[in-house]
N, C-alpha and C. Protein backbone atom coordinates (compact mmCIF):
# COMPACT_ATOMS: atom_id res chain seq x y z
N UNK A 1 61.87 111.53 100.59
CA UNK A 1 61.82 111.31 99.15
C UNK A 1 60.42 111.67 98.67
N UNK A 2 60.36 112.48 97.60
CA UNK A 2 59.07 112.94 97.10
C UNK A 2 58.57 112.02 96.00
N UNK A 3 57.32 111.59 96.08
CA UNK A 3 56.72 110.77 95.03
C UNK A 3 56.23 111.67 93.91
N UNK A 4 56.35 111.14 92.67
CA UNK A 4 55.90 111.92 91.53
C UNK A 4 54.38 111.97 91.51
N UNK A 5 53.89 113.12 91.21
CA UNK A 5 52.44 113.27 91.09
C UNK A 5 51.75 113.53 92.39
N UNK A 6 52.43 113.56 93.49
CA UNK A 6 51.76 113.86 94.77
C UNK A 6 52.60 114.83 95.55
N UNK A 7 52.03 115.47 96.48
CA UNK A 7 52.75 116.46 97.28
C UNK A 7 53.26 115.89 98.59
N UNK A 8 53.21 114.60 98.76
CA UNK A 8 53.66 114.02 100.03
C UNK A 8 55.14 113.64 99.98
N UNK A 9 55.82 113.71 101.15
CA UNK A 9 57.22 113.29 101.28
C UNK A 9 57.23 111.97 102.02
N UNK A 10 57.92 110.98 101.46
CA UNK A 10 57.97 109.65 102.08
C UNK A 10 59.33 109.44 102.72
N UNK A 11 59.35 109.02 104.02
CA UNK A 11 60.60 108.80 104.76
C UNK A 11 61.10 107.39 104.50
N UNK A 12 62.46 107.26 104.49
CA UNK A 12 63.10 105.95 104.33
C UNK A 12 63.32 105.36 105.72
N UNK A 13 62.57 104.37 106.12
CA UNK A 13 62.66 103.78 107.46
C UNK A 13 63.39 102.44 107.49
N UNK A 14 64.20 102.18 106.51
CA UNK A 14 64.87 100.89 106.45
C UNK A 14 65.87 100.69 107.58
N UNK A 15 66.61 101.70 108.07
CA UNK A 15 67.61 101.56 109.12
C UNK A 15 68.87 100.86 108.60
N UNK A 16 69.54 100.13 109.50
CA UNK A 16 70.78 99.42 109.13
C UNK A 16 70.41 98.00 108.74
N UNK A 17 70.93 97.58 107.62
CA UNK A 17 70.66 96.21 107.18
C UNK A 17 71.58 95.25 107.93
N UNK A 18 71.23 93.99 107.90
CA UNK A 18 72.03 92.96 108.56
C UNK A 18 73.44 92.90 107.99
N UNK A 19 73.56 93.06 106.69
CA UNK A 19 74.89 93.00 106.05
C UNK A 19 75.75 94.17 106.53
N UNK A 20 75.16 95.37 106.61
CA UNK A 20 75.91 96.53 107.09
C UNK A 20 76.36 96.33 108.54
N UNK A 21 75.49 95.74 109.36
CA UNK A 21 75.84 95.47 110.75
C UNK A 21 76.99 94.47 110.86
N UNK A 22 76.93 93.42 110.06
CA UNK A 22 78.01 92.41 110.07
C UNK A 22 79.33 93.04 109.63
N UNK A 23 79.29 93.86 108.60
CA UNK A 23 80.51 94.52 108.12
C UNK A 23 81.08 95.44 109.20
N UNK A 24 80.21 96.20 109.87
CA UNK A 24 80.66 97.11 110.94
C UNK A 24 81.30 96.34 112.09
N UNK A 25 80.66 95.21 112.47
CA UNK A 25 81.22 94.38 113.56
C UNK A 25 82.57 93.81 113.15
N UNK A 26 82.68 93.35 111.90
CA UNK A 26 83.94 92.78 111.41
C UNK A 26 85.06 93.82 111.44
N UNK A 27 84.76 95.02 110.98
CA UNK A 27 85.78 96.09 110.96
C UNK A 27 86.19 96.45 112.39
N UNK A 28 85.18 96.56 113.28
CA UNK A 28 85.48 96.87 114.69
C UNK A 28 86.35 95.79 115.32
N UNK A 29 86.01 94.53 115.02
CA UNK A 29 86.80 93.41 115.57
C UNK A 29 88.24 93.47 115.09
N UNK A 30 88.44 93.78 113.82
CA UNK A 30 89.81 93.87 113.27
C UNK A 30 90.58 95.00 113.95
N UNK A 31 89.92 96.15 114.14
CA UNK A 31 90.60 97.30 114.76
C UNK A 31 90.95 97.00 116.22
N UNK A 32 89.98 96.43 116.97
CA UNK A 32 90.24 96.10 118.37
C UNK A 32 91.31 95.02 118.48
N UNK A 33 91.26 94.02 117.61
CA UNK A 33 92.28 92.96 117.61
C UNK A 33 93.67 93.50 117.33
N UNK A 34 93.78 94.39 116.34
CA UNK A 34 95.08 94.98 116.00
C UNK A 34 95.60 95.83 117.16
N UNK A 35 94.70 96.60 117.79
CA UNK A 35 95.13 97.43 118.92
C UNK A 35 95.59 96.56 120.09
N UNK A 36 94.85 95.48 120.36
CA UNK A 36 95.23 94.56 121.44
C UNK A 36 96.58 93.91 121.15
N UNK A 37 96.79 93.49 119.90
CA UNK A 37 98.05 92.87 119.52
C UNK A 37 99.22 93.84 119.70
N UNK A 38 99.01 95.09 119.25
CA UNK A 38 100.07 96.10 119.38
C UNK A 38 100.39 96.40 120.84
N UNK A 39 99.35 96.51 121.66
CA UNK A 39 99.58 96.76 123.09
C UNK A 39 100.28 95.59 123.76
N UNK A 40 99.87 94.38 123.38
CA UNK A 40 100.50 93.18 123.96
C UNK A 40 101.97 93.10 123.56
N UNK A 41 102.26 93.37 122.30
CA UNK A 41 103.65 93.35 121.81
C UNK A 41 104.48 94.41 122.52
N UNK A 42 103.91 95.60 122.68
CA UNK A 42 104.63 96.68 123.36
C UNK A 42 104.91 96.31 124.81
N UNK A 43 103.93 95.67 125.47
CA UNK A 43 104.11 95.25 126.86
C UNK A 43 105.21 94.20 126.98
N UNK A 44 105.22 93.22 126.05
CA UNK A 44 106.26 92.18 126.08
C UNK A 44 107.63 92.79 125.83
N UNK A 45 107.72 93.71 124.86
CA UNK A 45 109.00 94.35 124.57
C UNK A 45 109.50 95.16 125.77
N UNK A 46 108.58 95.85 126.44
CA UNK A 46 108.95 96.63 127.62
C UNK A 46 109.44 95.72 128.74
N UNK A 47 108.71 94.62 128.97
CA UNK A 47 109.11 93.68 130.03
C UNK A 47 110.47 93.06 129.73
N UNK A 48 110.67 92.71 128.46
CA UNK A 48 111.95 92.11 128.05
C UNK A 48 113.09 93.10 128.24
N UNK A 49 112.89 94.34 127.79
CA UNK A 49 113.93 95.36 127.92
C UNK A 49 114.20 95.67 129.39
N UNK A 50 113.14 95.71 130.18
CA UNK A 50 113.29 95.99 131.61
C UNK A 50 114.08 94.88 132.31
N UNK A 51 113.78 93.61 131.96
CA UNK A 51 114.50 92.48 132.56
C UNK A 51 115.98 92.51 132.16
N UNK A 52 116.26 92.84 130.91
CA UNK A 52 117.64 92.92 130.44
C UNK A 52 118.40 94.02 131.17
N UNK A 53 117.76 95.17 131.34
CA UNK A 53 118.40 96.28 132.05
C UNK A 53 118.66 95.90 133.50
N UNK A 54 117.69 95.21 134.13
CA UNK A 54 117.88 94.76 135.52
C UNK A 54 119.08 93.83 135.63
N UNK A 55 119.21 92.89 134.68
CA UNK A 55 120.33 91.95 134.71
C UNK A 55 121.66 92.68 134.51
N UNK A 56 121.69 93.60 133.55
CA UNK A 56 122.92 94.35 133.31
C UNK A 56 123.32 95.18 134.53
N UNK A 57 122.33 95.81 135.16
CA UNK A 57 122.62 96.61 136.36
C UNK A 57 123.16 95.74 137.48
N UNK A 58 122.49 94.60 137.72
CA UNK A 58 122.95 93.71 138.79
C UNK A 58 124.35 93.19 138.50
N UNK A 59 124.61 92.83 137.23
CA UNK A 59 125.94 92.32 136.87
C UNK A 59 127.02 93.38 137.10
N UNK A 60 126.74 94.61 136.70
CA UNK A 60 127.73 95.68 136.87
C UNK A 60 127.99 95.96 138.35
N UNK A 61 126.92 96.01 139.15
CA UNK A 61 127.08 96.26 140.58
C UNK A 61 127.87 95.13 141.25
N UNK A 62 127.54 93.89 140.90
CA UNK A 62 128.26 92.74 141.45
C UNK A 62 129.74 92.79 141.08
N UNK A 63 130.02 93.06 139.82
CA UNK A 63 131.41 93.10 139.37
C UNK A 63 132.20 94.20 140.07
N UNK A 64 131.57 95.35 140.23
CA UNK A 64 132.27 96.46 140.91
C UNK A 64 132.56 96.10 142.37
N UNK A 65 131.56 95.51 143.06
CA UNK A 65 131.77 95.16 144.46
C UNK A 65 132.81 94.06 144.61
N UNK A 66 132.71 93.03 143.77
CA UNK A 66 133.70 91.94 143.84
C UNK A 66 135.09 92.45 143.49
N UNK A 67 135.16 93.34 142.51
CA UNK A 67 136.44 93.92 142.12
C UNK A 67 137.08 94.67 143.27
N UNK A 68 136.27 95.42 144.02
CA UNK A 68 136.77 96.15 145.18
C UNK A 68 137.33 95.18 146.22
N UNK A 69 136.57 94.13 146.52
CA UNK A 69 137.03 93.15 147.51
C UNK A 69 138.31 92.45 147.06
N UNK A 70 138.38 92.13 145.78
CA UNK A 70 139.57 91.45 145.26
C UNK A 70 140.78 92.37 145.33
N UNK A 71 140.62 93.62 144.91
CA UNK A 71 141.75 94.54 144.90
C UNK A 71 142.20 94.92 146.30
N UNK A 72 141.28 94.84 147.27
CA UNK A 72 141.66 95.10 148.67
C UNK A 72 142.38 93.90 149.28
N UNK A 73 142.19 92.74 148.70
CA UNK A 73 142.84 91.54 149.21
C UNK A 73 144.29 91.46 148.76
N UNK A 74 144.99 90.47 149.31
CA UNK A 74 146.38 90.30 148.88
C UNK A 74 146.72 88.85 148.55
N UNK A 75 145.70 87.98 148.62
CA UNK A 75 145.91 86.61 148.16
C UNK A 75 144.56 86.03 147.76
N UNK A 76 144.54 85.32 146.64
CA UNK A 76 143.30 84.68 146.19
C UNK A 76 143.55 83.20 145.94
N UNK A 77 142.51 82.44 146.17
CA UNK A 77 142.55 81.01 145.88
C UNK A 77 141.29 80.63 145.09
N UNK A 78 141.48 79.78 144.11
CA UNK A 78 140.37 79.30 143.28
C UNK A 78 140.35 77.78 143.37
N UNK A 79 139.17 77.21 143.59
CA UNK A 79 139.09 75.75 143.68
C UNK A 79 139.32 75.11 142.30
N UNK A 80 139.49 73.81 142.28
CA UNK A 80 139.82 73.09 141.04
C UNK A 80 138.73 73.24 139.98
N UNK A 81 137.47 73.30 140.40
CA UNK A 81 136.36 73.42 139.45
C UNK A 81 136.22 74.83 138.91
N UNK A 82 136.86 75.79 139.55
CA UNK A 82 136.80 77.18 139.08
C UNK A 82 135.47 77.85 139.38
N UNK A 83 134.75 77.35 140.40
CA UNK A 83 133.45 77.95 140.72
C UNK A 83 133.37 78.43 142.18
N UNK A 84 134.53 78.55 142.82
CA UNK A 84 134.57 79.10 144.17
C UNK A 84 135.85 79.93 144.31
N UNK A 85 135.68 81.15 144.82
CA UNK A 85 136.79 82.08 144.95
C UNK A 85 136.95 82.48 146.42
N UNK A 86 138.19 82.45 146.90
CA UNK A 86 138.50 82.89 148.26
C UNK A 86 139.49 84.04 148.17
N UNK A 87 139.14 85.16 148.80
CA UNK A 87 140.01 86.34 148.79
C UNK A 87 140.45 86.62 150.22
N UNK A 88 141.76 86.54 150.46
CA UNK A 88 142.32 86.78 151.79
C UNK A 88 142.79 88.23 151.92
N UNK A 89 142.62 88.76 153.12
CA UNK A 89 143.26 90.01 153.52
C UNK A 89 144.17 89.65 154.68
N UNK A 90 145.46 89.59 154.38
CA UNK A 90 146.45 89.16 155.36
C UNK A 90 147.28 90.38 155.77
N UNK A 91 147.27 90.72 157.05
CA UNK A 91 148.07 91.88 157.49
C UNK A 91 149.55 91.64 157.22
N UNK A 92 150.21 92.67 156.76
CA UNK A 92 151.66 92.56 156.52
C UNK A 92 152.40 92.67 157.84
N UNK A 93 153.48 91.93 157.91
CA UNK A 93 154.28 91.97 159.13
C UNK A 93 155.11 93.26 159.14
N UNK A 94 155.02 93.97 160.27
CA UNK A 94 155.74 95.23 160.41
C UNK A 94 156.77 95.06 161.53
N UNK A 95 158.03 95.33 161.20
CA UNK A 95 159.09 95.17 162.20
C UNK A 95 159.40 96.49 162.91
N UNK A 96 158.92 97.59 162.36
CA UNK A 96 159.17 98.89 162.98
C UNK A 96 158.43 98.99 164.31
N UNK A 97 159.12 99.46 165.33
CA UNK A 97 158.50 99.61 166.65
C UNK A 97 157.50 100.75 166.60
N UNK A 98 156.33 100.47 167.15
CA UNK A 98 155.27 101.47 167.15
C UNK A 98 155.42 102.38 168.37
N UNK A 99 155.00 103.64 168.24
CA UNK A 99 155.10 104.58 169.36
C UNK A 99 154.25 104.12 170.54
N UNK A 100 154.64 104.51 171.73
CA UNK A 100 153.88 104.16 172.93
C UNK A 100 152.47 104.73 172.82
N UNK A 101 151.48 103.87 173.11
CA UNK A 101 150.09 104.29 173.07
C UNK A 101 149.44 104.15 171.70
N UNK A 102 150.23 103.83 170.67
CA UNK A 102 149.65 103.66 169.32
C UNK A 102 148.84 102.36 169.27
N UNK A 103 147.81 102.39 168.50
CA UNK A 103 146.94 101.22 168.39
C UNK A 103 147.70 100.08 167.72
N UNK A 104 147.56 98.90 168.31
CA UNK A 104 148.27 97.73 167.76
C UNK A 104 147.70 97.35 166.40
N UNK A 105 148.57 96.89 165.53
CA UNK A 105 148.13 96.44 164.20
C UNK A 105 147.42 95.10 164.32
N UNK A 106 146.47 94.89 163.43
CA UNK A 106 145.78 93.60 163.40
C UNK A 106 146.76 92.52 162.95
N UNK A 107 146.71 91.40 163.61
CA UNK A 107 147.60 90.30 163.23
C UNK A 107 146.84 89.15 162.58
N UNK A 108 145.53 89.08 162.83
CA UNK A 108 144.74 88.01 162.23
C UNK A 108 144.24 88.42 160.85
N UNK A 109 144.17 87.42 159.99
CA UNK A 109 143.69 87.65 158.62
C UNK A 109 142.18 87.47 158.56
N UNK A 110 141.62 87.88 157.44
CA UNK A 110 140.21 87.63 157.16
C UNK A 110 140.11 87.15 155.72
N UNK A 111 138.98 86.57 155.39
CA UNK A 111 138.80 86.13 154.01
C UNK A 111 137.33 86.22 153.64
N UNK A 112 137.08 86.33 152.34
CA UNK A 112 135.74 86.29 151.77
C UNK A 112 135.68 85.13 150.80
N UNK A 113 134.61 84.34 150.92
CA UNK A 113 134.43 83.20 150.02
C UNK A 113 133.20 83.47 149.16
N UNK A 114 133.36 83.31 147.84
CA UNK A 114 132.28 83.50 146.87
C UNK A 114 131.97 82.14 146.24
N UNK A 115 130.68 81.79 146.18
CA UNK A 115 130.32 80.49 145.59
C UNK A 115 128.86 80.51 145.15
N UNK A 116 128.53 79.57 144.25
CA UNK A 116 127.15 79.37 143.79
C UNK A 116 126.53 78.25 144.59
N UNK A 117 125.22 78.37 144.85
CA UNK A 117 124.51 77.29 145.53
C UNK A 117 123.03 77.35 145.16
N UNK A 118 122.41 76.18 145.14
CA UNK A 118 120.95 76.13 144.93
C UNK A 118 120.26 75.53 146.16
N UNK A 119 120.92 75.62 147.31
CA UNK A 119 120.38 75.02 148.54
C UNK A 119 119.26 75.85 149.17
N UNK A 120 119.11 77.10 148.75
CA UNK A 120 118.05 77.95 149.29
C UNK A 120 116.90 77.98 148.28
N UNK A 121 115.82 77.30 148.60
CA UNK A 121 114.61 77.24 147.75
C UNK A 121 114.86 76.65 146.37
N UNK A 122 115.95 75.92 146.20
CA UNK A 122 116.23 75.27 144.92
C UNK A 122 116.63 76.21 143.80
N UNK A 123 116.84 77.49 144.11
CA UNK A 123 117.21 78.48 143.09
C UNK A 123 118.70 78.78 143.19
N UNK A 124 119.39 78.70 142.06
CA UNK A 124 120.83 78.97 142.04
C UNK A 124 121.07 80.47 142.20
N UNK A 125 121.91 80.82 143.18
CA UNK A 125 122.26 82.21 143.45
C UNK A 125 123.72 82.29 143.87
N UNK A 126 124.27 83.50 143.82
CA UNK A 126 125.66 83.73 144.21
C UNK A 126 125.71 84.22 145.66
N UNK A 127 126.64 83.63 146.42
CA UNK A 127 126.76 83.95 147.85
C UNK A 127 128.17 84.41 148.17
N UNK A 128 128.28 85.17 149.28
CA UNK A 128 129.58 85.58 149.80
C UNK A 128 129.51 85.54 151.32
N UNK A 129 130.51 84.91 151.93
CA UNK A 129 130.60 84.90 153.39
C UNK A 129 131.99 85.34 153.80
N UNK A 130 132.03 86.21 154.84
CA UNK A 130 133.32 86.69 155.35
C UNK A 130 133.65 85.95 156.64
N UNK A 131 134.93 85.54 156.74
CA UNK A 131 135.46 84.89 157.93
C UNK A 131 136.54 85.80 158.51
N UNK A 132 136.44 86.09 159.80
CA UNK A 132 137.45 86.91 160.48
C UNK A 132 138.24 86.04 161.45
N UNK A 133 139.33 86.60 161.95
CA UNK A 133 140.11 85.93 162.99
C UNK A 133 140.86 84.70 162.52
N UNK A 134 141.39 84.73 161.30
CA UNK A 134 142.16 83.59 160.78
C UNK A 134 143.63 83.81 161.17
N UNK A 135 144.09 83.02 162.13
CA UNK A 135 145.44 83.21 162.67
C UNK A 135 146.52 82.76 161.70
N UNK A 136 146.26 81.68 160.96
CA UNK A 136 147.29 81.12 160.07
C UNK A 136 146.67 80.83 158.69
N UNK A 137 146.69 81.81 157.79
CA UNK A 137 146.07 81.62 156.47
C UNK A 137 146.67 80.45 155.68
N UNK A 138 147.95 80.13 155.93
CA UNK A 138 148.60 79.05 155.19
C UNK A 138 148.03 77.68 155.56
N UNK A 139 147.43 77.56 156.73
CA UNK A 139 146.86 76.29 157.17
C UNK A 139 145.37 76.44 157.52
N UNK A 140 144.72 77.38 156.85
CA UNK A 140 143.31 77.67 157.12
C UNK A 140 142.42 76.56 156.55
N UNK A 141 141.52 76.05 157.36
CA UNK A 141 140.61 74.99 156.91
C UNK A 141 139.14 75.42 156.97
N UNK A 142 138.87 76.66 157.39
CA UNK A 142 137.48 77.10 157.44
C UNK A 142 136.92 77.19 156.03
N UNK A 143 135.68 76.77 155.87
CA UNK A 143 135.07 76.78 154.55
C UNK A 143 133.56 76.95 154.69
N UNK A 144 132.92 77.27 153.59
CA UNK A 144 131.46 77.42 153.60
C UNK A 144 130.80 76.04 153.50
N UNK A 145 129.58 75.96 154.03
CA UNK A 145 128.79 74.74 153.96
C UNK A 145 127.42 75.07 153.38
N UNK A 146 126.59 74.04 153.20
CA UNK A 146 125.24 74.26 152.68
C UNK A 146 124.44 75.20 153.57
N UNK A 147 124.69 75.17 154.86
CA UNK A 147 123.93 76.02 155.78
C UNK A 147 124.30 77.50 155.64
N UNK A 148 125.41 77.81 154.93
CA UNK A 148 125.80 79.19 154.72
C UNK A 148 125.06 79.84 153.56
N UNK A 149 124.31 79.03 152.79
CA UNK A 149 123.53 79.56 151.67
C UNK A 149 122.24 80.16 152.22
N UNK A 150 122.35 81.38 152.77
CA UNK A 150 121.21 82.07 153.37
C UNK A 150 121.00 83.40 152.64
N UNK A 151 119.85 84.02 152.87
CA UNK A 151 119.58 85.31 152.25
C UNK A 151 120.56 86.37 152.72
N UNK A 152 121.03 86.25 153.97
CA UNK A 152 122.01 87.22 154.49
C UNK A 152 123.32 87.18 153.70
N UNK A 153 123.68 86.02 153.18
CA UNK A 153 124.93 85.87 152.44
C UNK A 153 124.74 85.97 150.93
N UNK A 154 123.50 86.08 150.46
CA UNK A 154 123.23 86.14 149.02
C UNK A 154 123.61 87.52 148.48
N UNK A 155 124.43 87.54 147.41
CA UNK A 155 124.80 88.82 146.80
C UNK A 155 124.34 88.89 145.34
N UNK A 156 123.88 87.78 144.77
CA UNK A 156 123.44 87.78 143.38
C UNK A 156 122.25 86.87 143.17
N UNK A 157 121.04 87.47 143.17
CA UNK A 157 119.81 86.67 143.09
C UNK A 157 119.62 86.00 141.73
N UNK A 158 120.09 86.65 140.66
CA UNK A 158 119.85 86.12 139.32
C UNK A 158 121.08 85.44 138.71
N UNK A 159 122.14 85.28 139.50
CA UNK A 159 123.37 84.67 138.98
C UNK A 159 123.18 83.16 138.88
N UNK A 160 123.34 82.63 137.68
CA UNK A 160 123.20 81.18 137.47
C UNK A 160 124.53 80.53 137.07
N UNK A 161 125.53 81.35 136.77
CA UNK A 161 126.84 80.84 136.41
C UNK A 161 127.94 81.72 136.99
N UNK A 162 128.96 81.09 137.57
CA UNK A 162 130.06 81.82 138.21
C UNK A 162 131.34 81.05 137.94
N UNK A 163 132.23 81.63 137.14
CA UNK A 163 133.48 80.97 136.78
C UNK A 163 134.65 81.89 137.11
N UNK A 164 135.68 81.32 137.72
CA UNK A 164 136.84 82.10 138.13
C UNK A 164 138.11 81.45 137.59
N UNK A 165 139.02 82.28 137.10
CA UNK A 165 140.34 81.80 136.67
C UNK A 165 141.38 82.72 137.27
N UNK A 166 142.49 82.15 137.72
CA UNK A 166 143.55 82.93 138.37
C UNK A 166 144.85 82.78 137.60
N UNK A 167 145.51 83.92 137.38
CA UNK A 167 146.82 83.92 136.76
C UNK A 167 147.85 84.18 137.85
N UNK A 168 148.67 83.19 138.15
CA UNK A 168 149.63 83.33 139.25
C UNK A 168 150.80 84.23 138.88
N UNK A 169 151.10 84.35 137.60
CA UNK A 169 152.27 85.13 137.21
C UNK A 169 152.10 86.62 137.46
N UNK A 170 150.88 87.16 137.25
CA UNK A 170 150.70 88.59 137.45
C UNK A 170 149.55 88.92 138.41
N UNK A 171 149.16 87.97 139.26
CA UNK A 171 148.15 88.16 140.30
C UNK A 171 146.84 88.72 139.75
N UNK A 172 146.38 88.14 138.64
CA UNK A 172 145.12 88.57 138.05
C UNK A 172 144.05 87.52 138.26
N UNK A 173 142.81 87.99 138.42
CA UNK A 173 141.66 87.11 138.58
C UNK A 173 140.64 87.50 137.51
N UNK A 174 140.19 86.51 136.75
CA UNK A 174 139.16 86.74 135.74
C UNK A 174 137.87 86.08 136.20
N UNK A 175 136.81 86.87 136.24
CA UNK A 175 135.50 86.38 136.71
C UNK A 175 134.49 86.50 135.58
N UNK A 176 133.72 85.43 135.38
CA UNK A 176 132.61 85.44 134.43
C UNK A 176 131.33 85.15 135.18
N UNK A 177 130.35 86.02 135.00
CA UNK A 177 129.03 85.85 135.61
C UNK A 177 128.00 85.62 134.52
N UNK A 178 127.11 84.67 134.75
CA UNK A 178 125.97 84.46 133.87
C UNK A 178 124.72 84.68 134.69
N UNK A 179 123.83 85.54 134.18
CA UNK A 179 122.61 85.87 134.90
C UNK A 179 121.39 85.53 134.05
N UNK A 180 120.31 85.20 134.72
CA UNK A 180 119.08 84.86 134.02
C UNK A 180 117.88 85.32 134.83
N UNK A 181 116.96 85.99 134.15
CA UNK A 181 115.69 86.40 134.76
C UNK A 181 114.60 86.13 133.73
N UNK A 182 113.72 85.19 134.04
CA UNK A 182 112.71 84.80 133.07
C UNK A 182 113.39 84.20 131.85
N UNK A 183 113.11 84.75 130.68
CA UNK A 183 113.74 84.26 129.45
C UNK A 183 114.98 85.06 129.08
N UNK A 184 115.25 86.12 129.83
CA UNK A 184 116.39 86.99 129.52
C UNK A 184 117.67 86.44 130.15
N UNK A 185 118.75 86.49 129.38
CA UNK A 185 120.06 86.04 129.86
C UNK A 185 121.08 87.14 129.60
N UNK A 186 122.09 87.17 130.46
CA UNK A 186 123.16 88.16 130.31
C UNK A 186 124.44 87.57 130.85
N UNK A 187 125.55 87.84 130.17
CA UNK A 187 126.85 87.32 130.60
C UNK A 187 127.86 88.46 130.59
N UNK A 188 128.75 88.45 131.58
CA UNK A 188 129.77 89.51 131.68
C UNK A 188 131.06 88.89 132.21
N UNK A 189 132.19 89.37 131.69
CA UNK A 189 133.51 88.91 132.14
C UNK A 189 134.38 90.12 132.46
N UNK A 190 135.03 90.09 133.61
CA UNK A 190 135.95 91.17 134.01
C UNK A 190 137.22 90.57 134.58
N UNK A 191 138.29 91.35 134.47
CA UNK A 191 139.58 90.93 135.01
C UNK A 191 140.02 91.93 136.07
N UNK A 192 140.50 91.40 137.20
CA UNK A 192 140.94 92.25 138.31
C UNK A 192 142.36 91.87 138.71
N UNK A 193 143.11 92.86 139.15
CA UNK A 193 144.47 92.60 139.61
C UNK A 193 144.60 92.98 141.06
N UNK A 194 145.20 92.10 141.86
CA UNK A 194 145.42 92.38 143.27
C UNK A 194 146.45 93.49 143.38
N UNK A 195 146.13 94.53 144.15
CA UNK A 195 147.04 95.66 144.29
C UNK A 195 148.23 95.32 145.17
N UNK A 196 147.97 94.53 146.22
CA UNK A 196 149.02 94.24 147.20
C UNK A 196 149.25 92.75 147.33
N UNK A 197 149.40 92.08 146.20
CA UNK A 197 149.53 90.62 146.22
C UNK A 197 150.75 90.19 147.02
N UNK A 198 150.53 89.15 147.84
CA UNK A 198 151.64 88.55 148.58
C UNK A 198 152.24 87.43 147.76
N UNK A 199 153.52 87.32 147.79
CA UNK A 199 154.19 86.25 147.02
C UNK A 199 154.28 84.99 147.84
């Protein structure tokens, strides 16, 4: 800046005032806070969507696998509470004489039992255990116990609800699964029909 009446140039050495510095810090804080909030919200939304997708995938896989086992079976039993399902595979009796050297047909039945339990680490999960060598399915007394709730038998880590209903008139089984992971919940219901139901 040039002073009047002299040939000298005077520099402005004031720099940044305290008020300007406070305003700059305030604006920076608002921008950083808004960016942090947006990133945090995006992270929560991603985690929530990811958990929901995981639950839906697990539910679909479980339903498909259980549906396959049910349709391969020929007799189902549901307990009175509707929270345990037993699917039998009972060989059909064949009266036709088999050719010499042909492999003998299986005569013993097998079954799969599906149930919920919280006996493993206190967390409710869905389990399935297969029993082979059942000679007389009509008088079968084998059943699952608390000791059968193991990781080897666990088929649904996030399943917190398992409800089964059976229609005897048309051999249909309706299954409802409720799953939970963190705060996310998912529920699915499917109906399956036994292909080779025994009367």
